[in-house]
Amino acid sequence: MAFSSLAHSITTAVIGTEHTLLSTTSAYIFVLQVNCGSMYLGDETELRVKTRVVSEASLAVGYISIYAHQQGVPIKWSPPVPANQGVDITLKQTGGTGRDFMWRIYSL
């Protein structure tokens, strides 16, 4: 199966702010990859993929994962999320000290 990188960057988290990494109406199967290696004791981070079931619906969370403290395995992956009505992919650090997160979003 062919895949490509849709977007990538480094985001410096602001505690309590949900940072949008990608917002699109394109139809793909999306996969999020985030390096959480900068996290330490007291840090907590949420990764979310929001999508619509039908075009008339509001965005709703289809995937969320929460990580806390220092990560022994720093690279985190979302499962493949099919979205034919687009997605919003976000990162939100809810605790600790704002960290830098390297990330990439793939399309399948």
PDB file of N, CA and C in Angstrom:
ATOM      1  N   MET A   1       0.848  -1.176   0.000  1.00  0.00           N
ATOM      2  CA  MET A   1       0.000   0.000   0.000  1.00  0.00           C
ATOM      3  C   MET A   1       0.891   1.235   0.000  1.00  0.00           C
ATOM      4  N   ALA A   2       0.632   2.127  -0.914  1.00  0.00           N
ATOM      5  CA  ALA A   2       1.408   3.367  -1.000  1.00  0.00           C
ATOM      6  C   ALA A   2       0.953   4.352   0.068  1.00  0.00           C
ATOM      7  N   PHE A   3       1.893   5.123   0.561  1.00  0.00           N
ATOM      8  CA  PHE A   3       1.554   6.165   1.521  1.00  0.00           C
ATOM      9  C   PHE A   3       2.432   7.373   1.256  1.00  0.00           C
ATOM     10  N   SER A   4       2.010   8.516   1.787  1.00  0.00           N
ATOM     11  CA  SER A   4       2.818   9.722   1.640  1.00  0.00           C
ATOM     12  C   SER A   4       2.716  10.555   2.904  1.00  0.00           C
ATOM     13  N   SER A   5       3.656  11.451   3.070  1.00  0.00           N
ATOM     14  CA  SER A   5       3.671  12.368   4.210  1.00  0.00           C
ATOM     15  C   SER A   5       2.888  13.615   3.824  1.00  0.00           C
ATOM     16  N   LEU A   6       1.826  13.901   4.574  1.00  0.00           N
ATOM     17  CA  LEU A   6       1.005  15.091   4.304  1.00  0.00           C
ATOM     18  C   LEU A   6       1.570  16.345   4.954  1.00  0.00           C
ATOM     19  N   ALA A   7       2.102  16.191   6.161  1.00  0.00           N
ATOM     20  CA  ALA A   7       2.600  17.352   6.905  1.00  0.00           C
ATOM     21  C   ALA A   7       3.564  16.876   7.975  1.00  0.00           C
ATOM     22  N   HIS A   8       4.499  17.745   8.348  1.00  0.00           N
ATOM     23  CA  HIS A   8       5.396  17.460   9.460  1.00  0.00           C
ATOM     24  C   HIS A   8       5.964  18.777   9.976  1.00  0.00           C
ATOM     25  N   SER A   9       6.330  18.771  11.253  1.00  0.00           N
ATOM     26  CA  SER A   9       6.890  19.981  11.860  1.00  0.00           C
ATOM     27  C   SER A   9       7.326  19.664  13.282  1.00  0.00           C
ATOM     28  N   ILE A  10       7.699  20.714  13.994  1.00  0.00           N
ATOM     29  CA  ILE A  10       7.946  20.656  15.430  1.00  0.00           C
ATOM     30  C   ILE A  10       7.001  21.661  16.061  1.00  0.00           C
ATOM     31  N   THR A  11       6.227  21.213  17.034  1.00  0.00           N
ATOM     32  CA  THR A  11       5.291  22.086  17.735  1.00  0.00           C
ATOM     33  C   THR A  11       5.753  22.247  19.168  1.00  0.00           C
ATOM     34  N   THR A  12       5.879  23.497  19.612  1.00  0.00           N
ATOM     35  CA  THR A  12       6.170  23.779  21.012  1.00  0.00           C
ATOM     36  C   THR A  12       4.836  23.927  21.724  1.00  0.00           C
ATOM     37  N   ALA A  13       4.548  23.008  22.625  1.00  0.00           N
ATOM     38  CA  ALA A  13       3.253  22.981  23.294  1.00  0.00           C
ATOM     39  C   ALA A  13       3.124  24.115  24.309  1.00  0.00           C
ATOM     40  N   VAL A  14       1.943  24.699  24.343  1.00  0.00           N
ATOM     41  CA  VAL A  14       1.543  25.650  25.380  1.00  0.00           C
ATOM     42  C   VAL A  14       0.543  24.897  26.242  1.00  0.00           C
ATOM     43  N   ILE A  15       0.810  24.789  27.527  1.00  0.00           N
ATOM     44  CA  ILE A  15      -0.031  23.992  28.422  1.00  0.00           C
ATOM     45  C   ILE A  15      -1.492  24.428  28.310  1.00  0.00           C
ATOM     46  N   GLY A  16      -2.374  23.443  28.088  1.00  0.00           N
ATOM     47  CA  GLY A  16      -3.806  23.690  28.012  1.00  0.00           C
ATOM     48  C   GLY A  16      -4.314  24.122  26.650  1.00  0.00           C
ATOM     49  N   THR A  17      -3.429  24.294  25.677  1.00  0.00           N
ATOM     50  CA  THR A  17      -3.827  24.714  24.332  1.00  0.00           C
ATOM     51  C   THR A  17      -3.851  23.503  23.407  1.00  0.00           C
ATOM     52  N   GLU A  18      -4.963  23.328  22.691  1.00  0.00           N
ATOM     53  CA  GLU A  18      -5.044  22.254  21.714  1.00  0.00           C
ATOM     54  C   GLU A  18      -4.482  22.771  20.392  1.00  0.00           C
ATOM     55  N   HIS A  19      -3.333  22.249  20.006  1.00  0.00           N
ATOM     56  CA  HIS A  19      -2.641  22.684  18.795  1.00  0.00           C
ATOM     57  C   HIS A  19      -3.098  21.839  17.611  1.00  0.00           C
ATOM     58  N   THR A  20      -3.600  22.470  16.569  1.00  0.00           N
ATOM     59  CA  THR A  20      -4.020  21.760  15.367  1.00  0.00           C
ATOM     60  C   THR A  20      -2.801  21.495  14.493  1.00  0.00           C
ATOM     61  N   LEU A  21      -2.526  20.210  14.274  1.00  0.00           N
ATOM     62  CA  LEU A  21      -1.405  19.813  13.436  1.00  0.00           C
ATOM     63  C   LEU A  21      -1.830  19.724  11.971  1.00  0.00           C
ATOM     64  N   LEU A  22      -3.079  19.310  11.743  1.00  0.00           N
ATOM     65  CA  LEU A  22      -3.612  19.234  10.384  1.00  0.00           C
ATOM     66  C   LEU A  22      -5.126  19.356  10.447  1.00  0.00           C
ATOM     67  N   SER A  23      -5.680  20.153   9.561  1.00  0.00           N
ATOM     68  CA  SER A  23      -7.127  20.267   9.385  1.00  0.00           C
ATOM     69  C   SER A  23      -7.381  20.226   7.887  1.00  0.00           C
ATOM     70  N   THR A  24      -8.122  19.226   7.445  1.00  0.00           N
ATOM     71  CA  THR A  24      -8.358  19.071   6.011  1.00  0.00           C
ATOM     72  C   THR A  24      -9.706  18.427   5.761  1.00  0.00           C
ATOM     73  N   THR A  25     -10.263  18.664   4.596  1.00  0.00           N
ATOM     74  CA  THR A  25     -11.488  17.993   4.177  1.00  0.00           C
ATOM     75  C   THR A  25     -11.185  16.888   3.172  1.00  0.00           C
ATOM     76  N   SER A  26      -9.915  16.633   2.929  1.00  0.00           N
ATOM     77  CA  SER A  26      -9.508  15.574   2.002  1.00  0.00           C
ATOM     78  C   SER A  26      -9.843  14.197   2.569  1.00  0.00           C
ATOM     79  N   ALA A  27     -10.115  13.281   1.702  1.00  0.00           N
ATOM     80  CA  ALA A  27     -10.438  11.911   2.100  1.00  0.00           C
ATOM     81  C   ALA A  27      -9.188  11.038   2.010  1.00  0.00           C
ATOM     82  N   TYR A  28      -8.760  10.517   3.145  1.00  0.00           N
ATOM     83  CA  TYR A  28      -7.601   9.630   3.237  1.00  0.00           C
ATOM     84  C   TYR A  28      -7.793   8.688   4.410  1.00  0.00           C
ATOM     85  N   ILE A  29      -6.853   7.804   4.565  1.00  0.00           N
ATOM     86  CA  ILE A  29      -6.649   7.099   5.825  1.00  0.00           C
ATOM     87  C   ILE A  29      -5.440   7.779   6.442  1.00  0.00           C
ATOM     88  N   PHE A  30      -5.606   8.342   7.629  1.00  0.00           N
ATOM     89  CA  PHE A  30      -4.571   9.152   8.268  1.00  0.00           C
ATOM     90  C   PHE A  30      -3.869   8.365   9.371  1.00  0.00           C
ATOM     91  N   VAL A  31      -2.561   8.620   9.519  1.00  0.00           N
ATOM     92  CA  VAL A  31      -1.774   8.058  10.614  1.00  0.00           C
ATOM     93  C   VAL A  31      -0.906   9.176  11.179  1.00  0.00           C
ATOM     94  N   LEU A  32      -0.967   9.357  12.482  1.00  0.00           N
ATOM     95  CA  LEU A  32      -0.174  10.375  13.179  1.00  0.00           C
ATOM     96  C   LEU A  32       1.021   9.714  13.845  1.00  0.00           C
ATOM     97  N   GLN A  33       2.197  10.316  13.702  1.00  0.00           N
ATOM     98  CA  GLN A  33       3.429   9.868  14.360  1.00  0.00           C
ATOM     99  C   GLN A  33       3.955  11.053  15.164  1.00  0.00           C
ATOM    100  N   VAL A  34       4.205  10.853  16.466  1.00  0.00           N
ATOM    101  CA  VAL A  34       4.701  11.924  17.337  1.00  0.00           C
ATOM    102  C   VAL A  34       5.861  11.390  18.167  1.00  0.00           C
ATOM    103  N   ASN A  35       6.920  12.189  18.279  1.00  0.00           N
ATOM    104  CA  ASN A  35       8.035  11.860  19.158  1.00  0.00           C
ATOM    105  C   ASN A  35       7.781  12.535  20.504  1.00  0.00           C
ATOM    106  N   CYS A  36       7.511  11.726  21.529  1.00  0.00           N
ATOM    107  CA  CYS A  36       7.243  12.220  22.887  1.00  0.00           C
ATOM    108  C   CYS A  36       8.478  12.092  23.776  1.00  0.00           C
ATOM    109  N   GLY A  37       9.647  12.009  23.152  1.00  0.00           N
ATOM    110  CA  GLY A  37      10.895  11.817  23.891  1.00  0.00           C
ATOM    111  C   GLY A  37      11.303  12.988  24.767  1.00  0.00           C
ATOM    112  N   SER A  38      10.697  14.157  24.565  1.00  0.00           N
ATOM    113  CA  SER A  38      11.041  15.325  25.383  1.00  0.00           C
ATOM    114  C   SER A  38      10.239  15.391  26.678  1.00  0.00           C
ATOM    115  N   MET A  39       9.278  14.473  26.865  1.00  0.00           N
ATOM    116  CA  MET A  39       8.436  14.510  28.066  1.00  0.00           C
ATOM    117  C   MET A  39       9.206  14.044  29.304  1.00  0.00           C
ATOM    118  N   TYR A  40       8.855  14.639  30.457  1.00  0.00           N
ATOM    119  CA  TYR A  40       9.470  14.290  31.737  1.00  0.00           C
ATOM    120  C   TYR A  40       8.398  14.110  32.791  1.00  0.00           C
ATOM    121  N   LEU A  41       8.821  13.773  34.006  1.00  0.00           N
ATOM    122  CA  LEU A  41       7.924  13.569  35.130  1.00  0.00           C
ATOM    123  C   LEU A  41       6.992  14.774  35.280  1.00  0.00           C
ATOM    124  N   GLY A  42       5.686  14.524  35.347  1.00  0.00           N
ATOM    125  CA  GLY A  42       4.702  15.590  35.503  1.00  0.00           C
ATOM    126  C   GLY A  42       4.087  16.061  34.205  1.00  0.00           C
ATOM    127  N   ASP A  43       4.692  15.697  33.061  1.00  0.00           N
ATOM    128  CA  ASP A  43       4.131  16.080  31.764  1.00  0.00           C
ATOM    129  C   ASP A  43       2.983  15.140  31.402  1.00  0.00           C
ATOM    130  N   GLU A  44       1.955  15.688  30.746  1.00  0.00           N
ATOM    131  CA  GLU A  44       0.857  14.887  30.215  1.00  0.00           C
ATOM    132  C   GLU A  44       0.445  15.472  28.874  1.00  0.00           C
ATOM    133  N   THR A  45       0.273  14.592  27.894  1.00  0.00           N
ATOM    134  CA  THR A  45      -0.021  15.023  26.529  1.00  0.00           C
ATOM    135  C   THR A  45      -1.127  14.168  25.933  1.00  0.00           C
ATOM    136  N   GLU A  46      -2.041  14.836  25.202  1.00  0.00           N
ATOM    137  CA  GLU A  46      -3.143  14.153  24.521  1.00  0.00           C
ATOM    138  C   GLU A  46      -2.962  14.293  23.011  1.00  0.00           C
ATOM    139  N   LEU A  47      -3.126  13.189  22.295  1.00  0.00           N
ATOM    140  CA  LEU A  47      -3.119  13.185  20.833  1.00  0.00           C
ATOM    141  C   LEU A  47      -4.522  12.805  20.384  1.00  0.00           C
ATOM    142  N   ARG A  48      -5.099  13.585  19.452  1.00  0.00           N
ATOM    143  CA  ARG A  48      -6.475  13.348  19.013  1.00  0.00           C
ATOM    144  C   ARG A  48      -6.590  13.400  17.497  1.00  0.00           C
ATOM    145  N   VAL A  49      -7.477  12.553  16.981  1.00  0.00           N
ATOM    146  CA  VAL A  49      -7.882  12.613  15.585  1.00  0.00           C
ATOM    147  C   VAL A  49      -9.399  12.753  15.602  1.00  0.00           C
ATOM    148  N   LYS A  50      -9.889  13.862  15.049  1.00  0.00           N
ATOM    149  CA  LYS A  50     -11.330  14.133  15.007  1.00  0.00           C
ATOM    150  C   LYS A  50     -11.798  13.998  13.558  1.00  0.00           C
ATOM    151  N   THR A  51     -12.980  13.416  13.390  1.00  0.00           N
ATOM    152  CA  THR A  51     -13.511  13.214  12.055  1.00  0.00           C
ATOM    153  C   THR A  51     -15.030  13.337  12.058  1.00  0.00           C
ATOM    154  N   ARG A  52     -15.627  13.282  10.870  1.00  0.00           N
ATOM    155  CA  ARG A  52     -17.083  13.309  10.702  1.00  0.00           C
ATOM    156  C   ARG A  52     -17.524  11.966  10.127  1.00  0.00           C
ATOM    157  N   VAL A  53     -18.680  11.492  10.555  1.00  0.00           N
ATOM    158  CA  VAL A  53     -19.238  10.269   9.985  1.00  0.00           C
ATOM    159  C   VAL A  53     -19.892  10.584   8.643  1.00  0.00           C
ATOM    160  N   VAL A  54     -20.602  11.716   8.589  1.00  0.00           N
ATOM    161  CA  VAL A  54     -21.206  12.212   7.345  1.00  0.00           C
ATOM    162  C   VAL A  54     -20.896  13.695   7.237  1.00  0.00           C
ATOM    163  N   SER A  55     -20.983  14.239   6.037  1.00  0.00           N
ATOM    164  CA  SER A  55     -20.580  15.631   5.832  1.00  0.00           C
ATOM    165  C   SER A  55     -21.397  16.622   6.645  1.00  0.00           C
ATOM    166  N   GLU A  56     -22.640  16.296   6.973  1.00  0.00           N
ATOM    167  CA  GLU A  56     -23.489  17.212   7.745  1.00  0.00           C
ATOM    168  C   GLU A  56     -23.172  17.200   9.238  1.00  0.00           C
ATOM    169  N   ALA A  57     -22.403  16.244   9.696  1.00  0.00           N
ATOM    170  CA  ALA A  57     -22.109  16.091  11.121  1.00  0.00           C
ATOM    171  C   ALA A  57     -20.974  17.013  11.562  1.00  0.00           C
ATOM    172  N   SER A  58     -20.927  17.255  12.858  1.00  0.00           N
ATOM    173  CA  SER A  58     -19.810  17.995  13.454  1.00  0.00           C
ATOM    174  C   SER A  58     -18.628  17.058  13.628  1.00  0.00           C
ATOM    175  N   LEU A  59     -17.442  17.647  13.733  1.00  0.00           N
ATOM    176  CA  LEU A  59     -16.259  16.841  14.044  1.00  0.00           C
ATOM    177  C   LEU A  59     -16.430  16.206  15.418  1.00  0.00           C
ATOM    178  N   ALA A  60     -16.015  14.953  15.535  1.00  0.00           N
ATOM    179  CA  ALA A  60     -16.052  14.243  16.810  1.00  0.00           C
ATOM    180  C   ALA A  60     -14.759  13.447  16.947  1.00  0.00           C
ATOM    181  N   VAL A  61     -14.347  13.201  18.169  1.00  0.00           N
ATOM    182  CA  VAL A  61     -13.103  12.466  18.422  1.00  0.00           C
ATOM    183  C   VAL A  61     -13.273  11.018  18.000  1.00  0.00           C
ATOM    184  N   GLY A  62     -12.424  10.584  17.094  1.00  0.00           N
ATOM    185  CA  GLY A  62     -12.409   9.201  16.644  1.00  0.00           C
ATOM    186  C   GLY A  62     -11.261   8.415  17.258  1.00  0.00           C
ATOM    187  N   TYR A  63     -10.276   9.136  17.769  1.00  0.00           N
ATOM    188  CA  TYR A  63      -9.114   8.512  18.414  1.00  0.00           C
ATOM    189  C   TYR A  63      -8.535   9.509  19.400  1.00  0.00           C
ATOM    190  N   ILE A  64      -8.220   9.028  20.596  1.00  0.00           N
ATOM    191  CA  ILE A  64      -7.493   9.835  21.578  1.00  0.00           C
ATOM    192  C   ILE A  64      -6.535   8.916  22.323  1.00  0.00           C
ATOM    193  N   SER A  65      -5.366   9.432  22.595  1.00  0.00           N
ATOM    194  CA  SER A  65      -4.390   8.709  23.404  1.00  0.00           C
ATOM    195  C   SER A  65      -3.736   9.709  24.336  1.00  0.00           C
ATOM    196  N   ILE A  66      -3.567   9.307  25.599  1.00  0.00           N
ATOM    197  CA  ILE A  66      -2.994  10.188  26.617  1.00  0.00           C
ATOM    198  C   ILE A  66      -1.707   9.553  27.137  1.00  0.00           C
ATOM    199  N   TYR A  67      -0.646  10.352  27.162  1.00  0.00           N
ATOM    200  CA  TYR A  67       0.658   9.894  27.641  1.00  0.00           C
ATOM    201  C   TYR A  67       1.093  10.772  28.797  1.00  0.00           C
ATOM    202  N   ALA A  68       1.675  10.151  29.824  1.00  0.00           N
ATOM    203  CA  ALA A  68       2.113  10.900  31.002  1.00  0.00           C
ATOM    204  C   ALA A  68       3.549  10.539  31.356  1.00  0.00           C
ATOM    205  N   HIS A  69       4.267  11.548  31.841  1.00  0.00           N
ATOM    206  CA  HIS A  69       5.632  11.398  32.351  1.00  0.00           C
ATOM    207  C   HIS A  69       6.627  11.047  31.243  1.00  0.00           C
ATOM    208  N   GLN A  70       7.818  10.655  31.627  1.00  0.00           N
ATOM    209  CA  GLN A  70       8.862  10.317  30.666  1.00  0.00           C
ATOM    210  C   GLN A  70       8.468   9.043  29.929  1.00  0.00           C
ATOM    211  N   GLN A  71       8.722   9.011  28.632  1.00  0.00           N
ATOM    212  CA  GLN A  71       8.318   7.882  27.802  1.00  0.00           C
ATOM    213  C   GLN A  71       9.495   6.979  27.484  1.00  0.00           C
ATOM    214  N   GLY A  72       9.397   5.711  27.886  1.00  0.00           N
ATOM    215  CA  GLY A  72      10.440   4.741  27.589  1.00  0.00           C
ATOM    216  C   GLY A  72      10.539   4.450  26.099  1.00  0.00           C
ATOM    217  N   VAL A  73       9.402   4.447  25.438  1.00  0.00           N
ATOM    218  CA  VAL A  73       9.331   4.294  23.986  1.00  0.00           C
ATOM    219  C   VAL A  73       8.796   5.625  23.463  1.00  0.00           C
ATOM    220  N   PRO A  74       9.660   6.480  22.915  1.00  0.00           N
ATOM    221  CA  PRO A  74       9.246   7.850  22.623  1.00  0.00           C
ATOM    222  C   PRO A  74       8.338   8.034  21.412  1.00  0.00           C
ATOM    223  N   ILE A  75       8.438   7.170  20.400  1.00  0.00           N
ATOM    224  CA  ILE A  75       7.652   7.363  19.184  1.00  0.00           C
ATOM    225  C   ILE A  75       6.258   6.762  19.375  1.00  0.00           C
ATOM    226  N   LYS A  76       5.234   7.599  19.168  1.00  0.00           N
ATOM    227  CA  LYS A  76       3.841   7.178  19.306  1.00  0.00           C
ATOM    228  C   LYS A  76       3.172   7.221  17.939  1.00  0.00           C
ATOM    229  N   TRP A  77       2.312   6.252  17.686  1.00  0.00           N
ATOM    230  CA  TRP A  77       1.582   6.155  16.420  1.00  0.00           C
ATOM    231  C   TRP A  77       0.097   6.071  16.717  1.00  0.00           C
ATOM    232  N   SER A  78      -0.715   6.771  15.926  1.00  0.00           N
ATOM    233  CA  SER A  78      -2.148   6.527  15.978  1.00  0.00           C
ATOM    234  C   SER A  78      -2.442   5.310  15.120  1.00  0.00           C
ATOM    235  N   PRO A  79      -3.563   4.659  15.359  1.00  0.00           N
ATOM    236  CA  PRO A  79      -3.963   3.633  14.399  1.00  0.00           C
ATOM    237  C   PRO A  79      -4.377   4.320  13.098  1.00  0.00           C
ATOM    238  N   PRO A  80      -4.448   3.603  12.005  1.00  0.00           N
ATOM    239  CA  PRO A  80      -4.954   4.208  10.771  1.00  0.00           C
ATOM    240  C   PRO A  80      -6.413   4.629  10.976  1.00  0.00           C
ATOM    241  N   VAL A  81      -6.725   5.891  10.664  1.00  0.00           N
ATOM    242  CA  VAL A  81      -8.078   6.418  10.841  1.00  0.00           C
ATOM    243  C   VAL A  81      -8.641   6.785   9.470  1.00  0.00           C
ATOM    244  N   PRO A  82      -9.642   6.020   8.980  1.00  0.00           N
ATOM    245  CA  PRO A  82     -10.246   6.371   7.700  1.00  0.00           C
ATOM    246  C   PRO A  82     -11.169   7.574   7.868  1.00  0.00           C
ATOM    247  N   ALA A  83     -11.072   8.518   6.967  1.00  0.00           N
ATOM    248  CA  ALA A  83     -11.886   9.728   7.065  1.00  0.00           C
ATOM    249  C   ALA A  83     -12.191  10.248   5.671  1.00  0.00           C
ATOM    250  N   ASN A  84     -13.405  10.004   5.194  1.00  0.00           N
ATOM    251  CA  ASN A  84     -13.750  10.508   3.871  1.00  0.00           C
ATOM    252  C   ASN A  84     -14.421  11.879   3.934  1.00  0.00           C
ATOM    253  N   GLN A  85     -14.585  12.427   5.135  1.00  0.00           N
ATOM    254  CA  GLN A  85     -15.154  13.765   5.307  1.00  0.00           C
ATOM    255  C   GLN A  85     -14.140  14.716   5.946  1.00  0.00           C
ATOM    256  N   GLY A  86     -12.866  14.338   5.930  1.00  0.00           N
ATOM    257  CA  GLY A  86     -11.812  15.183   6.493  1.00  0.00           C
ATOM    258  C   GLY A  86     -11.542  14.914   7.958  1.00  0.00           C
ATOM    259  N   VAL A  87     -10.504  15.573   8.478  1.00  0.00           N
ATOM    260  CA  VAL A  87     -10.094  15.387   9.873  1.00  0.00           C
ATOM    261  C   VAL A  87      -9.506  16.667  10.445  1.00  0.00           C
ATOM    262  N   ASP A  88      -9.461  16.714  11.760  1.00  0.00           N
ATOM    263  CA  ASP A  88      -8.611  17.626  12.518  1.00  0.00           C
ATOM    264  C   ASP A  88      -7.730  16.732  13.375  1.00  0.00           C
ATOM    265  N   ILE A  89      -6.424  16.926  13.309  1.00  0.00           N
ATOM    266  CA  ILE A  89      -5.477  16.155  14.113  1.00  0.00           C
ATOM    267  C   ILE A  89      -4.792  17.135  15.049  1.00  0.00           C
ATOM    268  N   THR A  90      -4.841  16.839  16.359  1.00  0.00           N
ATOM    269  CA  THR A  90      -4.368  17.802  17.340  1.00  0.00           C
ATOM    270  C   THR A  90      -3.447  17.174  18.385  1.00  0.00           C
ATOM    271  N   LEU A  91      -2.686  18.058  19.033  1.00  0.00           N
ATOM    272  CA  LEU A  91      -1.817  17.721  20.155  1.00  0.00           C
ATOM    273  C   LEU A  91      -2.117  18.724  21.252  1.00  0.00           C
ATOM    274  N   LYS A  92      -2.316  18.238  22.482  1.00  0.00           N
ATOM    275  CA  LYS A  92      -2.597  19.121  23.610  1.00  0.00           C
ATOM    276  C   LYS A  92      -1.804  18.636  24.821  1.00  0.00           C
ATOM    277  N   GLN A  93      -0.912  19.477  25.312  1.00  0.00           N
ATOM    278  CA  GLN A  93      -0.193  19.147  26.542  1.00  0.00           C
ATOM    279  C   GLN A  93      -0.984  19.746  27.692  1.00  0.00           C
ATOM    280  N   THR A  94      -1.416  18.881  28.615  1.00  0.00           N
ATOM    281  CA  THR A  94      -2.301  19.314  29.699  1.00  0.00           C
ATOM    282  C   THR A  94      -1.595  19.480  31.037  1.00  0.00           C
ATOM    283  N   GLY A  95      -0.345  19.062  31.132  1.00  0.00           N
ATOM    284  CA  GLY A  95       0.374  19.199  32.394  1.00  0.00           C
ATOM    285  C   GLY A  95       1.869  19.241  32.193  1.00  0.00           C
ATOM    286  N   GLY A  96       2.546  19.773  33.200  1.00  0.00           N
ATOM    287  CA  GLY A  96       4.005  19.828  33.168  1.00  0.00           C
ATOM    288  C   GLY A  96       4.528  21.113  32.561  1.00  0.00           C
ATOM    289  N   THR A  97       5.661  21.005  31.911  1.00  0.00           N
ATOM    290  CA  THR A  97       6.319  22.125  31.246  1.00  0.00           C
ATOM    291  C   THR A  97       6.154  21.959  29.746  1.00  0.00           C
ATOM    292  N   GLY A  98       5.810  23.020  29.035  1.00  0.00           N
ATOM    293  CA  GLY A  98       5.620  22.949  27.584  1.00  0.00           C
ATOM    294  C   GLY A  98       6.850  22.376  26.901  1.00  0.00           C
ATOM    295  N   ARG A  99       6.652  21.370  26.088  1.00  0.00           N
ATOM    296  CA  ARG A  99       7.756  20.666  25.417  1.00  0.00           C
ATOM    297  C   ARG A  99       7.660  20.823  23.901  1.00  0.00           C
ATOM    298  N   ASP A 100       8.766  20.523  23.223  1.00  0.00           N
ATOM    299  CA  ASP A 100       8.796  20.468  21.766  1.00  0.00           C
ATOM    300  C   ASP A 100       8.446  19.049  21.325  1.00  0.00           C
ATOM    301  N   PHE A 101       7.542  18.928  20.367  1.00  0.00           N
ATOM    302  CA  PHE A 101       7.127  17.638  19.834  1.00  0.00           C
ATOM    303  C   PHE A 101       7.352  17.623  18.328  1.00  0.00           C
ATOM    304  N   MET A 102       8.167  16.688  17.859  1.00  0.00           N
ATOM    305  CA  MET A 102       8.333  16.469  16.422  1.00  0.00           C
ATOM    306  C   MET A 102       7.211  15.530  15.990  1.00  0.00           C
ATOM    307  N   TRP A 103       6.569  15.845  14.868  1.00  0.00           N
ATOM    308  CA  TRP A 103       5.448  15.022  14.422  1.00  0.00           C
ATOM    309  C   TRP A 103       5.395  14.946  12.892  1.00  0.00           C
ATOM    310  N   ARG A 104       4.679  13.942  12.432  1.00  0.00           N
ATOM    311  CA  ARG A 104       4.454  13.744  10.994  1.00  0.00           C
ATOM    312  C   ARG A 104       3.081  13.090  10.841  1.00  0.00           C
ATOM    313  N   ILE A 105       2.370  13.483   9.771  1.00  0.00           N
ATOM    314  CA  ILE A 105       1.083  12.876   9.462  1.00  0.00           C
ATOM    315  C   ILE A 105       1.182  12.235   8.084  1.00  0.00           C
ATOM    316  N   TYR A 106       0.813  10.955   8.038  1.00  0.00           N
ATOM    317  CA  TYR A 106       0.856  10.185   6.802  1.00  0.00           C
ATOM    318  C   TYR A 106      -0.549   9.985   6.265  1.00  0.00           C
ATOM    319  N   SER A 107      -0.645   9.834   4.950  1.00  0.00           N
ATOM    320  CA  SER A 107      -1.903   9.431   4.326  1.00  0.00           C
ATOM    321  C   SER A 107      -1.663   8.107   3.622  1.00  0.00           C
ATOM    322  N   LEU A 108      -2.661   7.270   3.680  1.00  0.00           N
ATOM    323  CA  LEU A 108      -2.599   5.962   3.024  1.00  0.00           C
ATOM    324  C   LEU A 108      -3.575   5.956   1.865  1.00  0.00           C
TER     325      LEU A 108
END
